Amino acid sequence: MKKSVEEDVFIPLYPKSTVEDKSSLRSKFQERRFWSAVKLLSNVVRWDGIVQEDKVRDLGLSKLLNRYLLLNILNTPPGPNNIEKCKKVVGCLPERWFQDLKGGSTLPELLNFSQHLLQ
C-alpha cells in the first residue's frame, strides 16, 4: 500500500484556465487521476482493523488525502463537482475513527479538509 501511495499516485495541477473547460484533455486526465486516488483511499482505509490504525491513517489521510486529494479539491471551483468530491472522500472514512471525538472536533489529519468543508 505504501508503495502505491508513494509511487503510483499522480494528480497533475494545471492552471485554472486550463481545467475550467471540462471537455479539455487536461481536465479529463486530472479528473481520472483524482478518482483513481479516491479509489485507492477507499482501499487503504478498508485495511483498518487489520493493519495498525496509525499506519492506515498515515497512508490514507496524511499522505493520500492531504498530499494529493486535498490539493485537487481546493483547486476545484465551488459547486456540485466539489461537493461530490468531498462526499466521496468522507464516505471512505471509517466511522469508528470519529466515535471518541467530542462535538466540534476532528482528527488532526483532517483539520485542513474540515476547514474546507466548513467554508
Protein backbone atom coordinates (compact mmCIF):
# COMPACT_ATOMS: atom_id res chain seq x y z
CA MET A 1 0.00 0.00 0.00
CA LYS A 2 2.79 2.37 0.92
CA LYS A 3 4.47 1.84 -2.44
CA SER A 4 1.21 2.51 -4.29
CA VAL A 5 0.59 5.73 -2.39
CA GLU A 6 4.15 6.97 -2.78
CA GLU A 7 4.86 5.87 -6.35
CA ASP A 8 1.59 5.37 -8.24
CA VAL A 9 -0.45 8.43 -7.29
CA PHE A 10 -0.11 11.38 -9.62
CA ILE A 11 -2.64 14.17 -9.92
CA PRO A 12 -1.32 16.98 -12.09
CA LEU A 13 -2.10 20.57 -11.15
CA TYR A 14 -2.92 22.67 -14.17
CA PRO A 15 -3.78 26.37 -14.26
CA LYS A 16 -7.45 27.04 -13.57
CA SER A 17 -7.97 28.39 -17.06
CA THR A 18 -6.80 25.06 -18.48
CA VAL A 19 -9.15 22.85 -16.49
CA GLU A 20 -12.23 25.09 -16.48
CA ASP A 21 -13.10 23.57 -19.84
CA LYS A 22 -14.33 20.16 -18.66
CA SER A 23 -14.02 18.76 -22.17
CA SER A 24 -10.29 19.50 -22.40
CA LEU A 25 -7.89 16.57 -22.30
CA ARG A 26 -6.02 18.02 -19.32
CA SER A 27 -9.21 18.43 -17.32
CA LYS A 28 -10.35 14.90 -18.12
CA PHE A 29 -6.93 13.47 -17.23
CA GLN A 30 -6.82 15.35 -13.94
CA GLU A 31 -10.31 14.11 -13.04
CA ARG A 32 -9.43 10.48 -13.86
CA ARG A 33 -6.33 10.68 -11.70
CA PHE A 34 -8.33 12.24 -8.84
CA TRP A 35 -10.96 9.48 -8.89
CA SER A 36 -8.26 6.84 -9.11
CA ALA A 37 -6.68 8.29 -5.95
CA VAL A 38 -10.09 8.31 -4.21
CA LYS A 39 -10.46 4.63 -5.05
CA LEU A 40 -7.01 3.98 -3.58
CA LEU A 41 -8.02 5.90 -0.43
CA SER A 42 -11.09 3.69 -0.14
CA ASN A 43 -8.96 0.56 -0.50
CA VAL A 44 -6.35 1.76 2.00
CA VAL A 45 -8.88 2.53 4.75
CA ARG A 46 -10.53 -0.87 4.29
CA TRP A 47 -7.42 -2.31 5.93
CA ASP A 48 -8.38 -0.52 9.15
CA GLY A 49 -8.69 -3.14 11.88
CA ILE A 50 -6.33 -5.49 10.05
CA VAL A 51 -3.30 -3.22 9.77
CA GLN A 52 -2.38 -0.88 12.64
CA GLU A 53 -4.70 2.14 12.68
CA ASP A 54 -1.84 4.65 12.82
CA LYS A 55 -0.33 3.16 9.65
CA VAL A 56 -3.67 3.26 7.82
CA ARG A 57 -4.32 6.84 8.94
CA ASP A 58 -0.82 7.91 7.93
CA LEU A 59 -1.12 6.42 4.44
CA GLY A 60 -4.75 7.33 3.86
CA LEU A 61 -5.01 10.72 5.48
CA SER A 62 -1.56 12.24 5.89
CA LYS A 63 -0.13 11.05 2.60
CA LEU A 64 -3.01 10.42 0.21
CA LEU A 65 -5.70 12.88 1.31
CA ASN A 66 -3.54 15.78 2.46
CA ARG A 67 -0.79 15.43 -0.15
CA TYR A 68 -2.84 14.72 -3.27
CA LEU A 69 -6.62 14.79 -2.94
CA LEU A 70 -6.99 17.95 -0.90
CA LEU A 71 -4.94 20.00 -3.36
CA ASN A 72 -7.28 18.98 -6.14
CA ILE A 73 -10.37 19.64 -4.03
CA LEU A 74 -9.12 23.10 -3.05
CA ASN A 75 -8.48 23.92 -6.71
CA THR A 76 -11.94 22.76 -7.79
CA PRO A 77 -14.36 25.69 -8.05
CA PRO A 78 -17.21 25.68 -5.51
CA GLY A 79 -20.23 23.83 -6.80
CA PRO A 80 -21.66 20.38 -7.40
CA ASN A 81 -18.36 18.85 -8.56
CA ASN A 82 -16.55 20.00 -5.41
CA ILE A 83 -19.39 18.73 -3.21
CA GLU A 84 -19.34 15.35 -4.95
CA LYS A 85 -15.58 15.02 -4.40
CA CYS A 86 -15.89 15.90 -0.71
CA LYS A 87 -18.77 13.45 -0.20
CA LYS A 88 -16.77 10.61 -1.78
CA VAL A 89 -13.77 11.32 0.44
CA VAL A 90 -15.94 11.48 3.57
CA GLY A 91 -17.65 8.25 2.51
CA CYS A 92 -14.28 6.48 2.54
CA LEU A 93 -13.54 7.28 6.18
CA PRO A 94 -14.33 4.63 8.81
CA GLU A 95 -16.97 5.82 11.29
CA ARG A 96 -15.10 4.28 14.22
CA TRP A 97 -12.32 6.85 13.80
CA PHE A 98 -14.79 9.50 14.95
CA GLN A 99 -16.57 7.68 17.79
CA ASP A 100 -14.44 9.03 20.64
CA LEU A 101 -14.24 12.61 19.38
CA LYS A 102 -16.04 15.37 21.22
CA GLY A 103 -18.51 17.56 19.32
CA GLY A 104 -16.88 20.08 17.01
CA SER A 105 -13.52 18.31 16.92
CA THR A 106 -11.90 16.16 14.28
CA LEU A 107 -8.84 14.05 13.67
CA PRO A 108 -5.63 16.10 13.45
CA GLU A 109 -5.01 14.78 9.92
CA LEU A 110 -8.42 16.13 8.83
CA LEU A 111 -8.08 19.72 10.04
CA ASN A 112 -7.47 21.24 6.60
CA PHE A 113 -10.18 19.14 4.98
CA SER A 114 -12.60 20.06 7.78
CA GLN A 115 -11.86 23.75 7.31
CA HIS A 116 -12.62 23.40 3.61
CA LEU A 117 -15.93 21.68 4.40
CA LEU A 118 -16.88 24.46 6.81
CA GLN A 119 -16.27 27.09 4.14
